[in-house]
């Protein structure tokens, strides 16, 4: 990647890119692998793919292939790609991951979360305070980290309001 603010004379000195992993606080090889992958896959994508061919949805699908390869090789890689994002808006909970094709499962109010929990099919309304547990799954296999979010609702939740400023 060559910064656009460089002149052609300056740009010719860019030979490539690199990723550093400083291990002063990384105590095991498993943790080093976790910190390196899938970042190394993303770096390769950035450095080796021509700008006009860069396509996030395509890369996301290919990244899942890399995950399978890393698993077969026994590499301990980060799965944050599958971590579920929770958003509350207008009385509803919205769930998503970086991979829009991943199955997301959830429970409400502390029930055990597993591969048979409710499948997320779209935003769901909350009518009372509750705790939502959610995680991505590939069939029975959990992906990423479990996310637990407590929603505290009251009579004013989701209601419009006016803020008066006094000068």
C-alpha atoms as a PDB file:
ATOM      1  CA  UNK A   1       0.000   0.000   0.000  1.00  0.00           C
ATOM      2  CA  UNK A   2       1.372   3.333  -1.027  1.00  0.00           C
ATOM      3  CA  UNK A   3       0.019   6.450   0.700  1.00  0.00           C
ATOM      4  CA  UNK A   4      -1.627   8.791  -1.819  1.00  0.00           C
ATOM      5  CA  UNK A   5       0.185  11.815  -0.395  1.00  0.00           C
ATOM      6  CA  UNK A   6       3.561  10.488  -1.591  1.00  0.00           C
ATOM      7  CA  UNK A   7       5.009  11.757  -4.850  1.00  0.00           C
ATOM      8  CA  UNK A   8       5.941   9.146  -7.472  1.00  0.00           C
ATOM      9  CA  UNK A   9       9.601   9.692  -6.593  1.00  0.00           C
ATOM     10  CA  UNK A  10       8.865   8.975  -2.938  1.00  0.00           C
ATOM     11  CA  UNK A  11       6.490   6.076  -3.702  1.00  0.00           C
ATOM     12  CA  UNK A  12       9.188   4.128  -5.551  1.00  0.00           C
ATOM     13  CA  UNK A  13      10.931   3.613  -2.204  1.00  0.00           C
ATOM     14  CA  UNK A  14       7.987   1.662  -0.760  1.00  0.00           C
ATOM     15  CA  UNK A  15       8.970  -1.986  -1.138  1.00  0.00           C
ATOM     16  CA  UNK A  16       6.198  -3.643   0.850  1.00  0.00           C
ATOM     17  CA  UNK A  17       4.772  -3.900   4.315  1.00  0.00           C
ATOM     18  CA  UNK A  18       5.356  -5.817   7.496  1.00  0.00           C
ATOM     19  CA  UNK A  19       3.602  -6.784  10.689  1.00  0.00           C
ATOM     20  CA  UNK A  20       5.419  -6.823  13.994  1.00  0.00           C
ATOM     21  CA  UNK A  21       4.553  -8.941  16.991  1.00  0.00           C
ATOM     22  CA  UNK A  22       6.290  -7.754  20.134  1.00  0.00           C
ATOM     23  CA  UNK A  23       6.428 -10.640  22.578  1.00  0.00           C
ATOM     24  CA  UNK A  24       7.615  -9.033  25.814  1.00  0.00           C
ATOM     25  CA  UNK A  25       4.238  -9.788  27.423  1.00  0.00           C
ATOM     26  CA  UNK A  26       3.340 -12.891  25.424  1.00  0.00           C
ATOM     27  CA  UNK A  27       4.287 -15.864  27.566  1.00  0.00           C
ATOM     28  CA  UNK A  28       3.371 -18.833  25.340  1.00  0.00           C
ATOM     29  CA  UNK A  29       3.535 -19.823  21.694  1.00  0.00           C
ATOM     30  CA  UNK A  30      -0.250 -20.367  21.769  1.00  0.00           C
ATOM     31  CA  UNK A  31      -0.736 -16.700  22.712  1.00  0.00           C
ATOM     32  CA  UNK A  32       1.702 -15.615  19.992  1.00  0.00           C
ATOM     33  CA  UNK A  33      -0.309 -17.590  17.418  1.00  0.00           C
ATOM     34  CA  UNK A  34      -3.507 -16.041  18.769  1.00  0.00           C
ATOM     35  CA  UNK A  35      -2.051 -12.566  18.316  1.00  0.00           C
ATOM     36  CA  UNK A  36      -0.664 -13.295  14.816  1.00  0.00           C
ATOM     37  CA  UNK A  37      -3.665 -15.009  13.203  1.00  0.00           C
ATOM     38  CA  UNK A  38      -5.861 -14.066  11.391  1.00  0.00           C
ATOM     39  CA  UNK A  39      -4.032 -10.724  11.297  1.00  0.00           C
ATOM     40  CA  UNK A  40      -1.400 -12.272   8.997  1.00  0.00           C
ATOM     41  CA  UNK A  41      -4.182 -13.297   6.591  1.00  0.00           C
ATOM     42  CA  UNK A  42      -5.556  -9.747   6.579  1.00  0.00           C
ATOM     43  CA  UNK A  43      -2.111  -8.262   6.020  1.00  0.00           C
ATOM     44  CA  UNK A  44      -1.548 -10.564   3.044  1.00  0.00           C
ATOM     45  CA  UNK A  45      -4.909  -9.457   1.651  1.00  0.00           C
ATOM     46  CA  UNK A  46      -4.003  -5.784   1.993  1.00  0.00           C
ATOM     47  CA  UNK A  47      -0.512  -6.153   0.546  1.00  0.00           C
ATOM     48  CA  UNK A  48      -1.128  -8.613  -2.263  1.00  0.00           C
ATOM     49  CA  UNK A  49      -4.559  -7.655  -3.556  1.00  0.00           C
ATOM     50  CA  UNK A  50      -4.806  -4.915  -6.141  1.00  0.00           C
ATOM     51  CA  UNK A  51      -6.983  -2.010  -4.928  1.00  0.00           C
ATOM     52  CA  UNK A  52      -9.624  -2.553  -7.619  1.00  0.00           C
ATOM     53  CA  UNK A  53      -9.996  -6.214  -6.568  1.00  0.00           C
ATOM     54  CA  UNK A  54     -10.404  -5.617  -2.828  1.00  0.00           C
ATOM     55  CA  UNK A  55     -13.790  -6.921  -1.752  1.00  0.00           C
ATOM     56  CA  UNK A  56     -14.688  -7.378   1.933  1.00  0.00           C
ATOM     57  CA  UNK A  57     -17.494  -9.965   1.448  1.00  0.00           C
ATOM     58  CA  UNK A  58     -15.209 -12.060  -0.763  1.00  0.00           C
ATOM     59  CA  UNK A  59     -12.343 -11.820   1.736  1.00  0.00           C
ATOM     60  CA  UNK A  60     -14.684 -12.731   4.617  1.00  0.00           C
ATOM     61  CA  UNK A  61     -15.655 -15.947   2.839  1.00  0.00           C
ATOM     62  CA  UNK A  62     -12.025 -16.805   2.051  1.00  0.00           C
ATOM     63  CA  UNK A  63     -11.035 -16.035   5.645  1.00  0.00           C
ATOM     64  CA  UNK A  64     -13.337 -18.836   6.825  1.00  0.00           C
ATOM     65  CA  UNK A  65     -11.308 -21.206   4.612  1.00  0.00           C
ATOM     66  CA  UNK A  66      -8.137 -19.940   6.313  1.00  0.00           C
ATOM     67  CA  UNK A  67      -9.743 -20.634   9.715  1.00  0.00           C
ATOM     68  CA  UNK A  68     -10.368 -24.260   8.718  1.00  0.00           C
ATOM     69  CA  UNK A  69      -6.738 -24.591   7.576  1.00  0.00           C
ATOM     70  CA  UNK A  70      -5.462 -23.093  10.826  1.00  0.00           C
ATOM     71  CA  UNK A  71      -7.641 -25.498  12.840  1.00  0.00           C
ATOM     72  CA  UNK A  72      -6.301 -28.519  10.939  1.00  0.00           C
ATOM     73  CA  UNK A  73      -2.751 -27.323  11.631  1.00  0.00           C
ATOM     74  CA  UNK A  74      -3.517 -26.862  15.335  1.00  0.00           C
ATOM     75  CA  UNK A  75      -2.913 -23.100  15.293  1.00  0.00           C
ATOM     76  CA  UNK A  76      -4.486 -21.163  18.175  1.00  0.00           C
ATOM     77  CA  UNK A  77      -5.970 -18.190  16.315  1.00  0.00           C
ATOM     78  CA  UNK A  78      -8.211 -15.324  17.390  1.00  0.00           C
ATOM     79  CA  UNK A  79     -11.880 -15.788  16.526  1.00  0.00           C
ATOM     80  CA  UNK A  80     -12.999 -12.187  17.106  1.00  0.00           C
ATOM     81  CA  UNK A  81     -14.331 -12.316  13.525  1.00  0.00           C
ATOM     82  CA  UNK A  82     -17.250 -14.280  14.994  1.00  0.00           C
ATOM     83  CA  UNK A  83     -17.806 -12.192  18.131  1.00  0.00           C
ATOM     84  CA  UNK A  84     -21.398 -10.956  18.257  1.00  0.00           C
ATOM     85  CA  UNK A  85     -22.130  -7.236  18.316  1.00  0.00           C
ATOM     86  CA  UNK A  86     -25.237  -6.250  20.282  1.00  0.00           C
ATOM     87  CA  UNK A  87     -27.103  -3.011  19.663  1.00  0.00           C
ATOM     88  CA  UNK A  88     -30.295  -1.783  21.301  1.00  0.00           C
ATOM     89  CA  UNK A  89     -32.360   0.691  19.319  1.00  0.00           C
ATOM     90  CA  UNK A  90     -36.011   1.705  19.422  1.00  0.00           C
ATOM     91  CA  UNK A  91     -36.968  -1.067  21.838  1.00  0.00           C
ATOM     92  CA  UNK A  92     -35.282  -3.852  19.863  1.00  0.00           C
ATOM     93  CA  UNK A  93     -32.039  -5.808  20.106  1.00  0.00           C
ATOM     94  CA  UNK A  94     -29.962  -6.112  16.932  1.00  0.00           C
ATOM     95  CA  UNK A  95     -27.257  -8.802  16.708  1.00  0.00           C
ATOM     96  CA  UNK A  96     -24.521  -9.124  14.094  1.00  0.00           C
ATOM     97  CA  UNK A  97     -21.045 -10.501  13.411  1.00  0.00           C
ATOM     98  CA  UNK A  98     -18.384  -9.504  10.875  1.00  0.00           C
ATOM     99  CA  UNK A  99     -19.606 -12.504   8.856  1.00  0.00           C
ATOM    100  CA  UNK A 100     -23.228 -11.961   7.887  1.00  0.00           C
ATOM    101  CA  UNK A 101     -23.669 -15.664   7.005  1.00  0.00           C
ATOM    102  CA  UNK A 102     -22.883 -16.933  10.512  1.00  0.00           C
ATOM    103  CA  UNK A 103     -25.687 -18.404  12.621  1.00  0.00           C
ATOM    104  CA  UNK A 104     -26.204 -16.416  15.821  1.00  0.00           C
ATOM    105  CA  UNK A 105     -27.958 -18.025  18.782  1.00  0.00           C
ATOM    106  CA  UNK A 106     -29.221 -16.287  21.897  1.00  0.00           C
ATOM    107  CA  UNK A 107     -31.005 -16.759  25.195  1.00  0.00           C
ATOM    108  CA  UNK A 108     -32.777 -14.351  27.509  1.00  0.00           C
ATOM    109  CA  UNK A 109     -32.660 -14.201  31.313  1.00  0.00           C
ATOM    110  CA  UNK A 110     -29.852 -16.563  32.125  1.00  0.00           C
ATOM    111  CA  UNK A 111     -30.885 -19.779  30.413  1.00  0.00           C
ATOM    112  CA  UNK A 112     -27.984 -21.890  29.146  1.00  0.00           C
ATOM    113  CA  UNK A 113     -26.652 -20.861  25.717  1.00  0.00           C
ATOM    114  CA  UNK A 114     -25.929 -23.639  23.237  1.00  0.00           C
ATOM    115  CA  UNK A 115     -26.319 -24.829  19.633  1.00  0.00           C
ATOM    116  CA  UNK A 116     -30.058 -25.436  20.180  1.00  0.00           C
ATOM    117  CA  UNK A 117     -30.776 -21.975  21.605  1.00  0.00           C
ATOM    118  CA  UNK A 118     -33.016 -19.569  19.709  1.00  0.00           C
ATOM    119  CA  UNK A 119     -31.675 -18.777  16.229  1.00  0.00           C
ATOM    120  CA  UNK A 120     -31.419 -15.034  15.592  1.00  0.00           C
ATOM    121  CA  UNK A 121     -33.501 -14.189  12.515  1.00  0.00           C
ATOM    122  CA  UNK A 122     -33.772 -10.445  13.023  1.00  0.00           C
ATOM    123  CA  UNK A 123     -34.225  -7.749  15.660  1.00  0.00           C
ATOM    124  CA  UNK A 124     -36.340  -8.772  18.634  1.00  0.00           C
ATOM    125  CA  UNK A 125     -38.261  -6.538  21.011  1.00  0.00           C
ATOM    126  CA  UNK A 126     -37.614  -6.343  24.727  1.00  0.00           C
ATOM    127  CA  UNK A 127     -40.557  -5.616  27.008  1.00  0.00           C
ATOM    128  CA  UNK A 128     -38.769  -6.025  30.336  1.00  0.00           C
ATOM    129  CA  UNK A 129     -35.265  -5.927  31.816  1.00  0.00           C
ATOM    130  CA  UNK A 130     -33.281  -9.023  30.939  1.00  0.00           C
ATOM    131  CA  UNK A 131     -29.870 -10.517  30.274  1.00  0.00           C
ATOM    132  CA  UNK A 132     -29.150 -11.569  26.703  1.00  0.00           C
ATOM    133  CA  UNK A 133     -26.469 -14.193  26.085  1.00  0.00           C
ATOM    134  CA  UNK A 134     -25.387 -14.650  22.489  1.00  0.00           C
ATOM    135  CA  UNK A 135     -22.771 -16.439  20.429  1.00  0.00           C
ATOM    136  CA  UNK A 136     -22.076 -17.466  16.852  1.00  0.00           C
ATOM    137  CA  UNK A 137     -22.288 -21.161  15.971  1.00  0.00           C
ATOM    138  CA  UNK A 138     -21.344 -23.410  13.077  1.00  0.00           C
ATOM    139  CA  UNK A 139     -23.900 -26.158  13.630  1.00  0.00           C
ATOM    140  CA  UNK A 140     -22.994 -27.437  17.149  1.00  0.00           C
ATOM    141  CA  UNK A 141     -19.554 -25.780  17.226  1.00  0.00           C
ATOM    142  CA  UNK A 142     -19.362 -22.450  19.105  1.00  0.00           C
ATOM    143  CA  UNK A 143     -17.423 -19.666  17.362  1.00  0.00           C
ATOM    144  CA  UNK A 144     -15.939 -16.539  18.906  1.00  0.00           C
ATOM    145  CA  UNK A 145     -16.701 -15.518  22.472  1.00  0.00           C
ATOM    146  CA  UNK A 146     -20.016 -15.637  24.270  1.00  0.00           C
ATOM    147  CA  UNK A 147     -21.409 -12.150  24.769  1.00  0.00           C
ATOM    148  CA  UNK A 148     -23.578 -11.306  27.772  1.00  0.00           C
ATOM    149  CA  UNK A 149     -25.447  -8.000  27.861  1.00  0.00           C
ATOM    150  CA  UNK A 150     -27.814  -6.833  30.578  1.00  0.00           C
ATOM    151  CA  UNK A 151     -30.607  -4.549  29.404  1.00  0.00           C
ATOM    152  CA  UNK A 152     -32.333  -2.486  32.087  1.00  0.00           C
ATOM    153  CA  UNK A 153     -35.657  -1.160  30.863  1.00  0.00           C
ATOM    154  CA  UNK A 154     -38.034   1.256  32.535  1.00  0.00           C
ATOM    155  CA  UNK A 155     -41.105   3.245  31.521  1.00  0.00           C
ATOM    156  CA  UNK A 156     -39.004   5.869  29.709  1.00  0.00           C
ATOM    157  CA  UNK A 157     -37.011   3.343  27.636  1.00  0.00           C
ATOM    158  CA  UNK A 158     -37.443   4.015  23.946  1.00  0.00           C
ATOM    159  CA  UNK A 159     -39.588   7.108  24.509  1.00  0.00           C
ATOM    160  CA  UNK A 160     -38.809  10.382  22.798  1.00  0.00           C
ATOM    161  CA  UNK A 161     -37.797  13.347  24.885  1.00  0.00           C
ATOM    162  CA  UNK A 162     -37.093  17.043  24.561  1.00  0.00           C
ATOM    163  CA  UNK A 163     -34.082  18.672  26.156  1.00  0.00           C
ATOM    164  CA  UNK A 164     -34.665  22.322  26.977  1.00  0.00           C
ATOM    165  CA  UNK A 165     -31.592  24.500  27.141  1.00  0.00           C
ATOM    166  CA  UNK A 166     -31.661  27.528  29.403  1.00  0.00           C
ATOM    167  CA  UNK A 167     -29.391  30.465  28.778  1.00  0.00           C
END
